[in-house]
PDB file of all heavy atoms in Angstrom:
ATOM      1  N   PRO A   1     -12.129  -1.397   3.078  1.00  0.00           N
ATOM      2  CA  PRO A   1     -12.519  -0.935   1.737  1.00  0.00           C
ATOM      3  C   PRO A   1     -12.428  -2.022   0.669  1.00  0.00           C
ATOM      4  O   PRO A   1     -13.250  -2.054  -0.256  1.00  0.00           O
ATOM      5  CB  PRO A   1     -11.527   0.199   1.448  1.00  0.00           C
ATOM      6  CG  PRO A   1     -11.168   0.723   2.802  1.00  0.00           C
ATOM      7  CD  PRO A   1     -11.118  -0.505   3.685  1.00  0.00           C
ATOM      8  N   THR A   2     -11.454  -2.938   0.797  1.00  0.00           N
ATOM      9  CA  THR A   2     -11.330  -4.027  -0.178  1.00  0.00           C
ATOM     10  C   THR A   2     -12.563  -4.915  -0.125  1.00  0.00           C
ATOM     11  O   THR A   2     -13.177  -5.224  -1.165  1.00  0.00           O
ATOM     12  CB  THR A   2     -10.066  -4.854   0.109  1.00  0.00           C
ATOM     13  OG1 THR A   2      -8.922  -3.998   0.046  1.00  0.00           O
ATOM     14  CG2 THR A   2      -9.917  -5.964  -0.912  1.00  0.00           C
ATOM     15  N   ASP A   3     -12.947  -5.325   1.086  1.00  0.00           N
ATOM     16  CA  ASP A   3     -14.134  -6.166   1.240  1.00  0.00           C
ATOM     17  C   ASP A   3     -15.391  -5.433   0.802  1.00  0.00           C
ATOM     18  O   ASP A   3     -16.266  -6.001   0.139  1.00  0.00           O
ATOM     19  CB  ASP A   3     -14.285  -6.607   2.704  1.00  0.00           C
ATOM     20  CG  ASP A   3     -13.126  -7.470   3.170  1.00  0.00           C
ATOM     21  OD1 ASP A   3     -12.477  -8.091   2.310  1.00  0.00           O
ATOM     22  OD2 ASP A   3     -12.873  -7.511   4.383  1.00  0.00           O
ATOM     23  N   PHE A   4     -15.475  -4.164   1.176  1.00  0.00           N
ATOM     24  CA  PHE A   4     -16.662  -3.369   0.885  1.00  0.00           C
ATOM     25  C   PHE A   4     -16.867  -3.213  -0.620  1.00  0.00           C
ATOM     26  O   PHE A   4     -17.939  -3.512  -1.149  1.00  0.00           O
ATOM     27  CB  PHE A   4     -16.530  -1.994   1.548  1.00  0.00           C
ATOM     28  CG  PHE A   4     -17.664  -1.061   1.253  1.00  0.00           C
ATOM     29  CD1 PHE A   4     -18.843  -1.113   1.981  1.00  0.00           C
ATOM     30  CD2 PHE A   4     -17.555  -0.110   0.245  1.00  0.00           C
ATOM     31  CE1 PHE A   4     -19.899  -0.254   1.706  1.00  0.00           C
ATOM     32  CE2 PHE A   4     -18.592   0.751  -0.037  1.00  0.00           C
ATOM     33  CZ  PHE A   4     -19.773   0.685   0.697  1.00  0.00           C
ATOM     34  N   PHE A   5     -15.857  -2.743  -1.305  1.00  0.00           N
ATOM     35  CA  PHE A   5     -15.999  -2.465  -2.729  1.00  0.00           C
ATOM     36  C   PHE A   5     -16.111  -3.747  -3.560  1.00  0.00           C
ATOM     37  O   PHE A   5     -16.807  -3.767  -4.578  1.00  0.00           O
ATOM     38  CB  PHE A   5     -14.848  -1.600  -3.229  1.00  0.00           C
ATOM     39  CG  PHE A   5     -14.912  -0.178  -2.737  1.00  0.00           C
ATOM     40  CD1 PHE A   5     -13.827   0.395  -2.079  1.00  0.00           C
ATOM     41  CD2 PHE A   5     -16.047   0.591  -2.924  1.00  0.00           C
ATOM     42  CE1 PHE A   5     -13.880   1.703  -1.630  1.00  0.00           C
ATOM     43  CE2 PHE A   5     -16.119   1.898  -2.471  1.00  0.00           C
ATOM     44  CZ  PHE A   5     -15.030   2.457  -1.821  1.00  0.00           C
ATOM     45  N   ASP A   6     -15.447  -4.815  -3.130  1.00  0.00           N
ATOM     46  CA  ASP A   6     -15.549  -6.079  -3.868  1.00  0.00           C
ATOM     47  C   ASP A   6     -16.992  -6.559  -3.951  1.00  0.00           C
ATOM     48  O   ASP A   6     -17.418  -7.129  -4.965  1.00  0.00           O
ATOM     49  CB  ASP A   6     -14.685  -7.154  -3.195  1.00  0.00           C
ATOM     50  CG  ASP A   6     -13.215  -7.043  -3.577  1.00  0.00           C
ATOM     51  OD1 ASP A   6     -12.908  -6.245  -4.484  1.00  0.00           O
ATOM     52  OD2 ASP A   6     -12.389  -7.748  -2.973  1.00  0.00           O
ATOM     53  N   THR A   7     -17.741  -6.341  -2.876  1.00  0.00           N
ATOM     54  CA  THR A   7     -19.119  -6.848  -2.835  1.00  0.00           C
ATOM     55  C   THR A   7     -20.155  -5.810  -3.245  1.00  0.00           C
ATOM     56  O   THR A   7     -21.271  -6.179  -3.640  1.00  0.00           O
ATOM     57  CB  THR A   7     -19.456  -7.334  -1.413  1.00  0.00           C
ATOM     58  OG1 THR A   7     -19.288  -6.252  -0.476  1.00  0.00           O
ATOM     59  CG2 THR A   7     -18.547  -8.481  -1.010  1.00  0.00           C
ATOM     60  N   PHE A   8     -19.800  -4.541  -3.181  1.00  0.00           N
ATOM     61  CA  PHE A   8     -20.819  -3.500  -3.332  1.00  0.00           C
ATOM     62  C   PHE A   8     -20.773  -2.744  -4.656  1.00  0.00           C
ATOM     63  O   PHE A   8     -21.775  -2.156  -5.070  1.00  0.00           O
ATOM     64  CB  PHE A   8     -20.699  -2.507  -2.171  1.00  0.00           C
ATOM     65  CG  PHE A   8     -21.887  -1.603  -2.006  1.00  0.00           C
ATOM     66  CD1 PHE A   8     -23.189  -2.071  -2.156  1.00  0.00           C
ATOM     67  CD2 PHE A   8     -21.721  -0.255  -1.688  1.00  0.00           C
ATOM     68  CE1 PHE A   8     -24.290  -1.237  -1.986  1.00  0.00           C
ATOM     69  CE2 PHE A   8     -22.809   0.580  -1.518  1.00  0.00           C
ATOM     70  CZ  PHE A   8     -24.101   0.091  -1.664  1.00  0.00           C
ATOM     71  N   VAL A   9     -19.650  -2.750  -5.334  1.00  0.00           N
ATOM     72  CA  VAL A   9     -19.540  -1.985  -6.582  1.00  0.00           C
ATOM     73  C   VAL A   9     -20.596  -2.386  -7.613  1.00  0.00           C
ATOM     74  O   VAL A   9     -21.191  -1.510  -8.264  1.00  0.00           O
ATOM     75  CB  VAL A   9     -18.110  -2.083  -7.170  1.00  0.00           C
ATOM     76  CG1 VAL A   9     -18.093  -1.678  -8.646  1.00  0.00           C
ATOM     77  CG2 VAL A   9     -17.159  -1.177  -6.388  1.00  0.00           C
ATOM     78  N   PRO A  10     -20.900  -3.672  -7.792  1.00  0.00           N
ATOM     79  CA  PRO A  10     -21.970  -4.008  -8.753  1.00  0.00           C
ATOM     80  C   PRO A  10     -23.310  -3.356  -8.404  1.00  0.00           C
ATOM     81  O   PRO A  10     -24.029  -2.901  -9.304  1.00  0.00           O
ATOM     82  CB  PRO A  10     -22.044  -5.538  -8.661  1.00  0.00           C
ATOM     83  CG  PRO A  10     -20.675  -5.947  -8.247  1.00  0.00           C
ATOM     84  CD  PRO A  10     -20.229  -4.886  -7.285  1.00  0.00           C
ATOM     85  N   ASP A  11     -23.644  -3.299  -7.123  1.00  0.00           N
ATOM     86  CA  ASP A  11     -24.885  -2.639  -6.703  1.00  0.00           C
ATOM     87  C   ASP A  11     -24.814  -1.137  -6.952  1.00  0.00           C
ATOM     88  O   ASP A  11     -25.810  -0.513  -7.322  1.00  0.00           O
ATOM     89  CB  ASP A  11     -25.162  -2.900  -5.221  1.00  0.00           C
ATOM     90  CG  ASP A  11     -25.763  -4.273  -4.986  1.00  0.00           C
ATOM     91  OD1 ASP A  11     -26.319  -4.844  -5.937  1.00  0.00           O
ATOM     92  OD2 ASP A  11     -25.670  -4.764  -3.854  1.00  0.00           O
ATOM     93  N   LEU A  12     -23.645  -0.556  -6.719  1.00  0.00           N
ATOM     94  CA  LEU A  12     -23.476   0.880  -6.970  1.00  0.00           C
ATOM     95  C   LEU A  12     -23.710   1.191  -8.445  1.00  0.00           C
ATOM     96  O   LEU A  12     -24.400   2.156  -8.791  1.00  0.00           O
ATOM     97  CB  LEU A  12     -22.080   1.331  -6.539  1.00  0.00           C
ATOM     98  CG  LEU A  12     -21.796   1.319  -5.031  1.00  0.00           C
ATOM     99  CD1 LEU A  12     -20.330   1.656  -4.768  1.00  0.00           C
ATOM    100  CD2 LEU A  12     -22.694   2.306  -4.302  1.00  0.00           C
ATOM    101  N   ILE A  13     -23.147   0.382  -9.305  1.00  0.00           N
ATOM    102  CA  ILE A  13     -23.324   0.582 -10.745  1.00  0.00           C
ATOM    103  C   ILE A  13     -24.791   0.395 -11.120  1.00  0.00           C
ATOM    104  O   ILE A  13     -25.353   1.168 -11.912  1.00  0.00           O
ATOM    105  CB  ILE A  13     -22.416  -0.384 -11.532  1.00  0.00           C
ATOM    106  CG1 ILE A  13     -20.938  -0.052 -11.262  1.00  0.00           C
ATOM    107  CG2 ILE A  13     -22.728  -0.316 -13.019  1.00  0.00           C
ATOM    108  CD1 ILE A  13     -19.971  -1.062 -11.838  1.00  0.00           C
ATOM    109  N   LYS A  14     -25.422  -0.609 -10.541  1.00  0.00           N
ATOM    110  CA  LYS A  14     -26.840  -0.870 -10.810  1.00  0.00           C
ATOM    111  C   LYS A  14     -27.697   0.337 -10.455  1.00  0.00           C
ATOM    112  O   LYS A  14     -28.669   0.655 -11.156  1.00  0.00           O
ATOM    113  CB  LYS A  14     -27.296  -2.094 -10.011  1.00  0.00           C
ATOM    114  CG  LYS A  14     -28.771  -2.425 -10.150  1.00  0.00           C
ATOM    115  CD  LYS A  14     -29.131  -3.629  -9.293  1.00  0.00           C
ATOM    116  CE  LYS A  14     -30.629  -3.901  -9.345  1.00  0.00           C
ATOM    117  NZ  LYS A  14     -30.991  -5.072  -8.485  1.00  0.00           N
ATOM    118  N   HIS A  15     -27.342   1.037  -9.364  1.00  0.00           N
ATOM    119  CA  HIS A  15     -28.114   2.198  -8.926  1.00  0.00           C
ATOM    120  C   HIS A  15     -27.513   3.518  -9.424  1.00  0.00           C
ATOM    121  O   HIS A  15     -27.914   4.588  -8.967  1.00  0.00           O
ATOM    122  CB  HIS A  15     -28.210   2.214  -7.399  1.00  0.00           C
ATOM    123  CG  HIS A  15     -29.129   1.157  -6.852  1.00  0.00           C
ATOM    124  ND1 HIS A  15     -28.691  -0.123  -6.537  1.00  0.00           N
ATOM    125  CD2 HIS A  15     -30.469   1.167  -6.593  1.00  0.00           C
ATOM    126  CE1 HIS A  15     -29.703  -0.834  -6.091  1.00  0.00           C
ATOM    127  NE2 HIS A  15     -30.792  -0.084  -6.117  1.00  0.00           N
ATOM    128  N   ASN A  16     -26.534   3.424 -10.349  1.00  0.00           N
ATOM    129  CA  ASN A  16     -25.958   4.606 -10.994  1.00  0.00           C
ATOM    130  C   ASN A  16     -25.265   5.523  -9.992  1.00  0.00           C
ATOM    131  O   ASN A  16     -25.305   6.754 -10.110  1.00  0.00           O
ATOM    132  CB  ASN A  16     -27.053   5.387 -11.746  1.00  0.00           C
ATOM    133  CG  ASN A  16     -26.485   6.345 -12.781  1.00  0.00           C
ATOM    134  OD1 ASN A  16     -25.404   6.114 -13.332  1.00  0.00           O
ATOM    135  ND2 ASN A  16     -27.204   7.429 -13.050  1.00  0.00           N
ATOM    136  N   VAL A  17     -24.623   4.942  -8.975  1.00  0.00           N
ATOM    137  CA  VAL A  17     -23.931   5.702  -7.929  1.00  0.00           C
ATOM    138  C   VAL A  17     -22.433   5.723  -8.211  1.00  0.00           C
ATOM    139  O   VAL A  17     -21.822   4.675  -8.451  1.00  0.00           O
ATOM    140  CB  VAL A  17     -24.197   5.094  -6.537  1.00  0.00           C
ATOM    141  CG1 VAL A  17     -23.356   5.793  -5.466  1.00  0.00           C
ATOM    142  CG2 VAL A  17     -25.682   5.187  -6.193  1.00  0.00           C
ATOM    143  N   ARG A  18     -21.867   6.906  -8.173  1.00  0.00           N
ATOM    144  CA  ARG A  18     -20.425   7.067  -8.425  1.00  0.00           C
ATOM    145  C   ARG A  18     -19.665   7.221  -7.117  1.00  0.00           C
ATOM    146  O   ARG A  18     -20.096   7.936  -6.215  1.00  0.00           O
ATOM    147  CB  ARG A  18     -20.182   8.291  -9.319  1.00  0.00           C
ATOM    148  CG  ARG A  18     -18.699   8.555  -9.625  1.00  0.00           C
ATOM    149  CD  ARG A  18     -18.538   9.623 -10.685  1.00  0.00           C
ATOM    150  NE  ARG A  18     -18.980  10.938 -10.255  1.00  0.00           N
ATOM    151  CZ  ARG A  18     -18.229  11.804  -9.558  1.00  0.00           C
ATOM    152  NH1 ARG A  18     -16.990  11.479  -9.205  1.00  0.00           N
ATOM    153  NH2 ARG A  18     -18.722  12.982  -9.229  1.00  0.00           N
ATOM    154  N   VAL A  19     -18.516   6.568  -7.023  1.00  0.00           N
ATOM    155  CA  VAL A  19     -17.679   6.639  -5.824  1.00  0.00           C
ATOM    156  C   VAL A  19     -16.664   7.763  -5.954  1.00  0.00           C
ATOM    157  O   VAL A  19     -16.023   7.938  -6.996  1.00  0.00           O
ATOM    158  CB  VAL A  19     -16.936   5.304  -5.586  1.00  0.00           C
ATOM    159  CG1 VAL A  19     -15.910   5.444  -4.459  1.00  0.00           C
ATOM    160  CG2 VAL A  19     -17.925   4.196  -5.267  1.00  0.00           C
ATOM    161  N   ASN A  20     -16.528   8.542  -4.876  1.00  0.00           N
ATOM    162  CA  ASN A  20     -15.473   9.540  -4.771  1.00  0.00           C
ATOM    163  C   ASN A  20     -14.843   9.380  -3.386  1.00  0.00           C
ATOM    164  O   ASN A  20     -15.518   8.993  -2.426  1.00  0.00           O
ATOM    165  CB  ASN A  20     -16.031  10.956  -4.929  1.00  0.00           C
ATOM    166  CG  ASN A  20     -14.933  11.998  -4.974  1.00  0.00           C
ATOM    167  OD1 ASN A  20     -14.178  12.065  -5.942  1.00  0.00           O
ATOM    168  ND2 ASN A  20     -14.822  12.819  -3.938  1.00  0.00           N
ATOM    169  N   VAL A  21     -13.559   9.619  -3.297  1.00  0.00           N
ATOM    170  CA  VAL A  21     -12.873   9.517  -2.002  1.00  0.00           C
ATOM    171  C   VAL A  21     -12.016  10.750  -1.807  1.00  0.00           C
ATOM    172  O   VAL A  21     -11.247  11.138  -2.697  1.00  0.00           O
ATOM    173  CB  VAL A  21     -11.990   8.252  -1.935  1.00  0.00           C
ATOM    174  CG1 VAL A  21     -11.291   8.170  -0.573  1.00  0.00           C
ATOM    175  CG2 VAL A  21     -12.836   7.000  -2.158  1.00  0.00           C
ATOM    176  N   MET A  22     -12.161  11.381  -0.651  1.00  0.00           N
ATOM    177  CA  MET A  22     -11.328  12.540  -0.328  1.00  0.00           C
ATOM    178  C   MET A  22     -10.556  12.264   0.955  1.00  0.00           C
ATOM    179  O   MET A  22     -11.030  11.536   1.833  1.00  0.00           O
ATOM    180  CB  MET A  22     -12.179  13.799  -0.185  1.00  0.00           C
ATOM    181  CG  MET A  22     -13.117  13.810   0.989  1.00  0.00           C
ATOM    182  SD  MET A  22     -14.064  15.349   1.061  1.00  0.00           S
ATOM    183  CE  MET A  22     -14.760  15.216   2.717  1.00  0.00           C
ATOM    184  N   GLY A  23      -9.374  12.822   1.034  1.00  0.00           N
ATOM    185  CA  GLY A  23      -8.516  12.606   2.185  1.00  0.00           C
ATOM    186  C   GLY A  23      -7.084  12.416   1.703  1.00  0.00           C
ATOM    187  O   GLY A  23      -6.779  12.569   0.510  1.00  0.00           O
ATOM    188  N   TYR A  24      -6.217  12.074   2.633  1.00  0.00           N
ATOM    189  CA  TYR A  24      -4.803  11.901   2.296  1.00  0.00           C
ATOM    190  C   TYR A  24      -4.590  10.433   1.906  1.00  0.00           C
ATOM    191  O   TYR A  24      -4.011   9.629   2.647  1.00  0.00           O
ATOM    192  CB  TYR A  24      -3.937  12.346   3.480  1.00  0.00           C
ATOM    193  CG  TYR A  24      -4.138  13.818   3.765  1.00  0.00           C
ATOM    194  CD1 TYR A  24      -5.101  14.241   4.666  1.00  0.00           C
ATOM    195  CD2 TYR A  24      -3.409  14.781   3.062  1.00  0.00           C
ATOM    196  CE1 TYR A  24      -5.323  15.594   4.900  1.00  0.00           C
ATOM    197  CE2 TYR A  24      -3.626  16.136   3.281  1.00  0.00           C
ATOM    198  CZ  TYR A  24      -4.588  16.535   4.191  1.00  0.00           C
ATOM    199  OH  TYR A  24      -4.805  17.880   4.406  1.00  0.00           O
ATOM    200  N   ILE A  25      -5.065  10.125   0.700  1.00  0.00           N
ATOM    201  CA  ILE A  25      -5.103   8.739   0.221  1.00  0.00           C
ATOM    202  C   ILE A  25      -3.695   8.168   0.062  1.00  0.00           C
ATOM    203  O   ILE A  25      -3.481   6.975   0.272  1.00  0.00           O
ATOM    204  CB  ILE A  25      -5.866   8.652  -1.122  1.00  0.00           C
ATOM    205  CG1 ILE A  25      -7.226   9.357  -1.015  1.00  0.00           C
ATOM    206  CG2 ILE A  25      -6.043   7.200  -1.537  1.00  0.00           C
ATOM    207  CD1 ILE A  25      -8.113   8.827   0.078  1.00  0.00           C
ATOM    208  N   ASP A  26      -2.739   9.014  -0.295  1.00  0.00           N
ATOM    209  CA  ASP A  26      -1.377   8.534  -0.538  1.00  0.00           C
ATOM    210  C   ASP A  26      -0.704   8.020   0.730  1.00  0.00           C
ATOM    211  O   ASP A  26       0.337   7.360   0.658  1.00  0.00           O
ATOM    212  CB  ASP A  26      -0.532   9.640  -1.173  1.00  0.00           C
ATOM    213  CG  ASP A  26      -0.446  10.887  -0.311  1.00  0.00           C
ATOM    214  OD1 ASP A  26      -1.353  11.106   0.511  1.00  0.00           O
ATOM    215  OD2 ASP A  26       0.528  11.660  -0.455  1.00  0.00           O
ATOM    216  N   GLN A  27      -1.300   8.299   1.891  1.00  0.00           N
ATOM    217  CA  GLN A  27      -0.727   7.825   3.157  1.00  0.00           C
ATOM    218  C   GLN A  27      -1.304   6.472   3.579  1.00  0.00           C
ATOM    219  O   GLN A  27      -0.908   5.909   4.603  1.00  0.00           O
ATOM    220  CB  GLN A  27      -0.986   8.856   4.260  1.00  0.00           C
ATOM    221  CG  GLN A  27      -0.337  10.207   4.004  1.00  0.00           C
ATOM    222  CD  GLN A  27      -0.732  11.250   5.041  1.00  0.00           C
ATOM    223  OE1 GLN A  27      -1.372  10.935   6.045  1.00  0.00           O
ATOM    224  NE2 GLN A  27      -0.347  12.493   4.810  1.00  0.00           N
TER     225      GLN A  27
END
């Protein structure tokens, strides 16, 4: 996820895409 979001978040913003994550994130 670190590698993915570091490189992809600018493209997501460019295409107006919002990130959501579900699951037991605290683990």
